[in-house]
Amino acid sequence: MFLEEQEEIPWEAMLYVTGHINYGGRVTDDWDRVCLISILKKYYTADILEDGYQLSQSGTYYVPETGTF
């Protein structure tokens, strides 16, 4: 819904829904919730739409080039 009904990707809304509602409700420790949000912020960013965006410092995991399945 967030991706199909909006002209721009609502990154903050996606972060809130995923981090605070979907998973955050299951995380009972405040520091674990901080960790969860920090991890999600790495992936919920416009930069991830760029080909070759590295998901790990080693470069082993990265966003593949745009293509078809």
PDB file of N, CA and C in Angstrom:
ATOM      1  N   MET A   1       0.824  -1.184   0.000  1.00  0.00           N
ATOM      2  CA  MET A   1       0.000   0.000   0.000  1.00  0.00           C
ATOM      3  C   MET A   1       0.876   1.259   0.000  1.00  0.00           C
ATOM      4  N   PHE A   2       1.917   1.277   0.860  1.00  0.00           N
ATOM      5  CA  PHE A   2       2.776   2.451   0.923  1.00  0.00           C
ATOM      6  C   PHE A   2       3.474   2.704  -0.404  1.00  0.00           C
ATOM      7  N   LEU A   3       3.839   1.657  -1.092  1.00  0.00           N
ATOM      8  CA  LEU A   3       4.628   1.811  -2.309  1.00  0.00           C
ATOM      9  C   LEU A   3       3.775   2.041  -3.547  1.00  0.00           C
ATOM     10  N   GLU A   4       2.562   1.528  -3.563  1.00  0.00           N
ATOM     11  CA  GLU A   4       1.736   1.623  -4.757  1.00  0.00           C
ATOM     12  C   GLU A   4       0.819   2.838  -4.784  1.00  0.00           C
ATOM     13  N   GLU A   5       0.429   3.339  -3.628  1.00  0.00           N
ATOM     14  CA  GLU A   5      -0.548   4.419  -3.585  1.00  0.00           C
ATOM     15  C   GLU A   5       0.055   5.810  -3.432  1.00  0.00           C
ATOM     16  N   GLN A   6       1.367   5.898  -3.275  1.00  0.00           N
ATOM     17  CA  GLN A   6       2.008   7.192  -3.054  1.00  0.00           C
ATOM     18  C   GLN A   6       3.000   7.483  -4.176  1.00  0.00           C
ATOM     19  N   GLU A   7       3.153   8.750  -4.486  1.00  0.00           N
ATOM     20  CA  GLU A   7       4.112   9.139  -5.516  1.00  0.00           C
ATOM     21  C   GLU A   7       5.542   8.972  -5.031  1.00  0.00           C
ATOM     22  N   GLU A   8       5.791   9.300  -3.766  1.00  0.00           N
ATOM     23  CA  GLU A   8       7.119   9.153  -3.177  1.00  0.00           C
ATOM     24  C   GLU A   8       7.053   8.088  -2.091  1.00  0.00           C
ATOM     25  N   ILE A   9       8.163   7.409  -1.880  1.00  0.00           N
ATOM     26  CA  ILE A   9       8.209   6.376  -0.858  1.00  0.00           C
ATOM     27  C   ILE A   9       8.216   7.034   0.519  1.00  0.00           C
ATOM     28  N   PRO A  10       7.250   6.689   1.375  1.00  0.00           N
ATOM     29  CA  PRO A  10       7.187   7.285   2.715  1.00  0.00           C
ATOM     30  C   PRO A  10       8.092   6.519   3.688  1.00  0.00           C
ATOM     31  N   TRP A  11       9.390   6.819   3.639  1.00  0.00           N
ATOM     32  CA  TRP A  11      10.368   6.056   4.416  1.00  0.00           C
ATOM     33  C   TRP A  11      10.063   6.084   5.907  1.00  0.00           C
ATOM     34  N   GLU A  12       9.742   7.255   6.437  1.00  0.00           N
ATOM     35  CA  GLU A  12       9.478   7.372   7.880  1.00  0.00           C
ATOM     36  C   GLU A  12       8.256   6.564   8.283  1.00  0.00           C
ATOM     37  N   ALA A  13       7.223   6.580   7.455  1.00  0.00           N
ATOM     38  CA  ALA A  13       6.011   5.812   7.752  1.00  0.00           C
ATOM     39  C   ALA A  13       6.310   4.309   7.719  1.00  0.00           C
ATOM     40  N   MET A  14       7.091   3.874   6.742  1.00  0.00           N
ATOM     41  CA  MET A  14       7.455   2.454   6.670  1.00  0.00           C
ATOM     42  C   MET A  14       8.280   2.045   7.883  1.00  0.00           C
ATOM     43  N   LEU A  15       9.205   2.901   8.291  1.00  0.00           N
ATOM     44  CA  LEU A  15      10.025   2.627   9.462  1.00  0.00           C
ATOM     45  C   LEU A  15       9.146   2.516  10.711  1.00  0.00           C
ATOM     46  N   TYR A  16       8.206   3.426  10.845  1.00  0.00           N
ATOM     47  CA  TYR A  16       7.321   3.411  12.009  1.00  0.00           C
ATOM     48  C   TYR A  16       6.461   2.148  12.032  1.00  0.00           C
ATOM     49  N   VAL A  17       5.841   1.831  10.909  1.00  0.00           N
ATOM     50  CA  VAL A  17       4.962   0.660  10.857  1.00  0.00           C
ATOM     51  C   VAL A  17       5.743  -0.622  11.134  1.00  0.00           C
ATOM     52  N   THR A  18       6.891  -0.766  10.513  1.00  0.00           N
ATOM     53  CA  THR A  18       7.678  -1.982  10.702  1.00  0.00           C
ATOM     54  C   THR A  18       8.340  -2.021  12.071  1.00  0.00           C
ATOM     55  N   GLY A  19       9.009  -0.952  12.442  1.00  0.00           N
ATOM     56  CA  GLY A  19       9.802  -0.955  13.664  1.00  0.00           C
ATOM     57  C   GLY A  19       9.030  -0.789  14.949  1.00  0.00           C
ATOM     58  N   HIS A  20       7.955  -0.023  14.906  1.00  0.00           N
ATOM     59  CA  HIS A  20       7.216   0.255  16.134  1.00  0.00           C
ATOM     60  C   HIS A  20       5.939  -0.570  16.252  1.00  0.00           C
ATOM     61  N   ILE A  21       5.302  -0.877  15.136  1.00  0.00           N
ATOM     62  CA  ILE A  21       4.027  -1.588  15.202  1.00  0.00           C
ATOM     63  C   ILE A  21       4.213  -3.092  14.962  1.00  0.00           C
ATOM     64  N   ASN A  22       4.714  -3.462  13.785  1.00  0.00           N
ATOM     65  CA  ASN A  22       4.823  -4.892  13.470  1.00  0.00           C
ATOM     66  C   ASN A  22       5.778  -5.635  14.389  1.00  0.00           C
ATOM     67  N   TYR A  23       7.018  -5.161  14.476  1.00  0.00           N
ATOM     68  CA  TYR A  23       8.014  -5.842  15.297  1.00  0.00           C
ATOM     69  C   TYR A  23       8.173  -5.207  16.665  1.00  0.00           C
ATOM     70  N   GLY A  24       8.029  -3.913  16.737  1.00  0.00           N
ATOM     71  CA  GLY A  24       8.237  -3.207  17.996  1.00  0.00           C
ATOM     72  C   GLY A  24       7.317  -3.670  19.110  1.00  0.00           C
ATOM     73  N   GLY A  25       6.116  -4.085  18.750  1.00  0.00           N
ATOM     74  CA  GLY A  25       5.197  -4.593  19.753  1.00  0.00           C
ATOM     75  C   GLY A  25       5.648  -5.897  20.375  1.00  0.00           C
ATOM     76  N   ARG A  26       6.556  -6.583  19.727  1.00  0.00           N
ATOM     77  CA  ARG A  26       7.073  -7.854  20.230  1.00  0.00           C
ATOM     78  C   ARG A  26       8.400  -7.681  20.974  1.00  0.00           C
ATOM     79  N   VAL A  27       8.993  -6.511  20.842  1.00  0.00           N
ATOM     80  CA  VAL A  27      10.263  -6.234  21.502  1.00  0.00           C
ATOM     81  C   VAL A  27       9.953  -5.558  22.833  1.00  0.00           C
ATOM     82  N   THR A  28      10.332  -6.198  23.927  1.00  0.00           N
ATOM     83  CA  THR A  28       9.968  -5.679  25.240  1.00  0.00           C
ATOM     84  C   THR A  28      11.073  -4.840  25.886  1.00  0.00           C
ATOM     85  N   ASP A  29      12.306  -5.018  25.457  1.00  0.00           N
ATOM     86  CA  ASP A  29      13.421  -4.271  26.032  1.00  0.00           C
ATOM     87  C   ASP A  29      13.664  -3.000  25.223  1.00  0.00           C
ATOM     88  N   ASP A  30      13.800  -1.870  25.901  1.00  0.00           N
ATOM     89  CA  ASP A  30      13.988  -0.591  25.203  1.00  0.00           C
ATOM     90  C   ASP A  30      15.249  -0.564  24.356  1.00  0.00           C
ATOM     91  N   TRP A  31      16.336  -1.150  24.849  1.00  0.00           N
ATOM     92  CA  TRP A  31      17.589  -1.162  24.078  1.00  0.00           C
ATOM     93  C   TRP A  31      17.467  -2.058  22.847  1.00  0.00           C
ATOM     94  N   ASP A  32      16.705  -3.127  22.940  1.00  0.00           N
ATOM     95  CA  ASP A  32      16.465  -3.966  21.764  1.00  0.00           C
ATOM     96  C   ASP A  32      15.666  -3.207  20.717  1.00  0.00           C
ATOM     97  N   ARG A  33      14.727  -2.389  21.170  1.00  0.00           N
ATOM     98  CA  ARG A  33      13.936  -1.581  20.238  1.00  0.00           C
ATOM     99  C   ARG A  33      14.817  -0.545  19.540  1.00  0.00           C
ATOM    100  N   VAL A  34      15.732   0.065  20.275  1.00  0.00           N
ATOM    101  CA  VAL A  34      16.681   1.017  19.692  1.00  0.00           C
ATOM    102  C   VAL A  34      17.535   0.309  18.636  1.00  0.00           C
ATOM    103  N   CYS A  35      17.983  -0.883  18.956  1.00  0.00           N
ATOM    104  CA  CYS A  35      18.787  -1.676  18.009  1.00  0.00           C
ATOM    105  C   CYS A  35      17.976  -1.989  16.753  1.00  0.00           C
ATOM    106  N   LEU A  36      16.729  -2.422  16.929  1.00  0.00           N
ATOM    107  CA  LEU A  36      15.857  -2.739  15.800  1.00  0.00           C
ATOM    108  C   LEU A  36      15.681  -1.532  14.880  1.00  0.00           C
ATOM    109  N   ILE A  37      15.391  -0.383  15.449  1.00  0.00           N
ATOM    110  CA  ILE A  37      15.190   0.829  14.644  1.00  0.00           C
ATOM    111  C   ILE A  37      16.479   1.217  13.930  1.00  0.00           C
ATOM    112  N   SER A  38      17.604   1.069  14.588  1.00  0.00           N
ATOM    113  CA  SER A  38      18.897   1.388  13.959  1.00  0.00           C
ATOM    114  C   SER A  38      19.166   0.492  12.760  1.00  0.00           C
ATOM    115  N   ILE A  39      18.856  -0.778  12.892  1.00  0.00           N
ATOM    116  CA  ILE A  39      19.046  -1.721  11.781  1.00  0.00           C
ATOM    117  C   ILE A  39      18.117  -1.360  10.630  1.00  0.00           C
ATOM    118  N   LEU A  40      16.860  -1.104  10.931  1.00  0.00           N
ATOM    119  CA  LEU A  40      15.904  -0.762   9.876  1.00  0.00           C
ATOM    120  C   LEU A  40      16.288   0.518   9.142  1.00  0.00           C
ATOM    121  N   LYS A  41      16.854   1.489   9.853  1.00  0.00           N
ATOM    122  CA  LYS A  41      17.254   2.742   9.208  1.00  0.00           C
ATOM    123  C   LYS A  41      18.334   2.526   8.157  1.00  0.00           C
ATOM    124  N   LYS A  42      19.135   1.487   8.318  1.00  0.00           N
ATOM    125  CA  LYS A  42      20.179   1.179   7.331  1.00  0.00           C
ATOM    126  C   LYS A  42      19.561   0.726   6.011  1.00  0.00           C
ATOM    127  N   TYR A  43      18.418   0.061   6.081  1.00  0.00           N
ATOM    128  CA  TYR A  43      17.796  -0.499   4.890  1.00  0.00           C
ATOM    129  C   TYR A  43      16.628   0.332   4.368  1.00  0.00           C
ATOM    130  N   TYR A  44      15.983   1.089   5.220  1.00  0.00           N
ATOM    131  CA  TYR A  44      14.855   1.916   4.805  1.00  0.00           C
ATOM    132  C   TYR A  44      15.370   3.310   4.463  1.00  0.00           C
ATOM    133  N   THR A  45      16.031   3.409   3.332  1.00  0.00           N
ATOM    134  CA  THR A  45      16.620   4.663   2.890  1.00  0.00           C
ATOM    135  C   THR A  45      16.571   4.728   1.364  1.00  0.00           C
ATOM    136  N   ALA A  46      16.529   5.905   0.819  1.00  0.00           N
ATOM    137  CA  ALA A  46      16.502   6.066  -0.642  1.00  0.00           C
ATOM    138  C   ALA A  46      17.775   5.513  -1.285  1.00  0.00           C
ATOM    139  N   ASP A  47      18.874   5.485  -0.539  1.00  0.00           N
ATOM    140  CA  ASP A  47      20.135   4.972  -1.073  1.00  0.00           C
ATOM    141  C   ASP A  47      20.040   3.513  -1.507  1.00  0.00           C
ATOM    142  N   ILE A  48      19.149   2.760  -0.882  1.00  0.00           N
ATOM    143  CA  ILE A  48      19.037   1.336  -1.198  1.00  0.00           C
ATOM    144  C   ILE A  48      18.501   1.105  -2.611  1.00  0.00           C
ATOM    145  N   LEU A  49      17.931   2.128  -3.214  1.00  0.00           N
ATOM    146  CA  LEU A  49      17.418   2.012  -4.578  1.00  0.00           C
ATOM    147  C   LEU A  49      18.523   2.090  -5.622  1.00  0.00           C
ATOM    148  N   GLU A  50      19.724   2.457  -5.214  1.00  0.00           N
ATOM    149  CA  GLU A  50      20.863   2.551  -6.129  1.00  0.00           C
ATOM    150  C   GLU A  50      21.481   1.171  -6.353  1.00  0.00           C
ATOM    151  N   ASP A  51      21.796   0.860  -7.603  1.00  0.00           N
ATOM    152  CA  ASP A  51      22.479  -0.395  -7.914  1.00  0.00           C
ATOM    153  C   ASP A  51      23.804  -0.447  -7.171  1.00  0.00           C
ATOM    154  N   GLY A  52      24.114  -1.576  -6.576  1.00  0.00           N
ATOM    155  CA  GLY A  52      25.395  -1.753  -5.920  1.00  0.00           C
ATOM    156  C   GLY A  52      25.462  -1.255  -4.491  1.00  0.00           C
ATOM    157  N   TYR A  53      24.350  -0.764  -3.940  1.00  0.00           N
ATOM    158  CA  TYR A  53      24.349  -0.305  -2.540  1.00  0.00           C
ATOM    159  C   TYR A  53      24.785  -1.465  -1.659  1.00  0.00           C
ATOM    160  N   GLN A  54      25.806  -1.242  -0.850  1.00  0.00           N
ATOM    161  CA  GLN A  54      26.361  -2.324  -0.025  1.00  0.00           C
ATOM    162  C   GLN A  54      25.569  -2.482   1.255  1.00  0.00           C
ATOM    163  N   LEU A  55      25.170  -3.720   1.517  1.00  0.00           N
ATOM    164  CA  LEU A  55      24.430  -4.043   2.723  1.00  0.00           C
ATOM    165  C   LEU A  55      25.346  -4.510   3.840  1.00  0.00           C
ATOM    166  N   SER A  56      26.615  -4.743   3.501  1.00  0.00           N
ATOM    167  CA  SER A  56      27.604  -5.128   4.509  1.00  0.00           C
ATOM    168  C   SER A  56      28.910  -4.407   4.196  1.00  0.00           C
ATOM    169  N   GLN A  57      29.728  -4.204   5.211  1.00  0.00           N
ATOM    170  CA  GLN A  57      31.006  -3.520   5.012  1.00  0.00           C
ATOM    171  C   GLN A  57      31.935  -4.314   4.103  1.00  0.00           C
ATOM    172  N   SER A  58      31.807  -5.632   4.121  1.00  0.00           N
ATOM    173  CA  SER A  58      32.682  -6.469   3.309  1.00  0.00           C
ATOM    174  C   SER A  58      32.345  -6.380   1.822  1.00  0.00           C
ATOM    175  N   GLY A  59      31.120  -5.941   1.509  1.00  0.00           N
ATOM    176  CA  GLY A  59      30.701  -5.886   0.114  1.00  0.00           C
ATOM    177  C   GLY A  59      30.135  -7.201  -0.375  1.00  0.00           C
ATOM    178  N   THR A  60      30.102  -8.202   0.496  1.00  0.00           N
ATOM    179  CA  THR A  60      29.546  -9.507   0.127  1.00  0.00           C
ATOM    180  C   THR A  60      28.062  -9.394  -0.206  1.00  0.00           C
ATOM    181  N   TYR A  61      27.365  -8.593   0.564  1.00  0.00           N
ATOM    182  CA  TYR A  61      25.939  -8.411   0.357  1.00  0.00           C
ATOM    183  C   TYR A  61      25.687  -7.013  -0.181  1.00  0.00           C
ATOM    184  N   TYR A  62      25.022  -6.955  -1.318  1.00  0.00           N
ATOM    185  CA  TYR A  62      24.771  -5.683  -1.981  1.00  0.00           C
ATOM    186  C   TYR A  62      23.472  -5.765  -2.758  1.00  0.00           C
ATOM    187  N   VAL A  63      22.956  -4.610  -3.156  1.00  0.00           N
ATOM    188  CA  VAL A  63      21.751  -4.556  -3.956  1.00  0.00           C
ATOM    189  C   VAL A  63      22.123  -4.895  -5.398  1.00  0.00           C
ATOM    190  N   PRO A  64      21.464  -5.891  -5.981  1.00  0.00           N
ATOM    191  CA  PRO A  64      21.796  -6.260  -7.361  1.00  0.00           C
ATOM    192  C   PRO A  64      21.338  -5.188  -8.345  1.00  0.00           C
ATOM    193  N   GLU A  65      21.852  -5.256  -9.552  1.00  0.00           N
ATOM    194  CA  GLU A  65      21.443  -4.316 -10.594  1.00  0.00           C
ATOM    195  C   GLU A  65      19.988  -4.530 -10.938  1.00  0.00           C
ATOM    196  N   THR A  66      19.336  -3.447 -11.351  1.00  0.00           N
ATOM    197  CA  THR A  66      17.931  -3.528 -11.732  1.00  0.00           C
ATOM    198  C   THR A  66      17.776  -4.464 -12.918  1.00  0.00           C
ATOM    199  N   GLY A  67      16.775  -5.317 -12.853  1.00  0.00           N
ATOM    200  CA  GLY A  67      16.528  -6.256 -13.931  1.00  0.00           C
ATOM    201  C   GLY A  67      15.203  -6.956 -13.721  1.00  0.00           C
ATOM    202  N   THR A  68      14.988  -8.000 -14.469  1.00  0.00           N
ATOM    203  CA  THR A  68      13.763  -8.772 -14.340  1.00  0.00           C
ATOM    204  C   THR A  68      14.047 -10.065 -13.595  1.00  0.00           C
ATOM    205  N   PHE A  69      13.013 -10.664 -13.093  1.00  0.00           N
ATOM    206  CA  PHE A  69      13.177 -11.947 -12.383  1.00  0.00           C
ATOM    207  C   PHE A  69      13.490 -13.047 -13.353  1.00  0.00           C
TER     208      PHE A  69
END
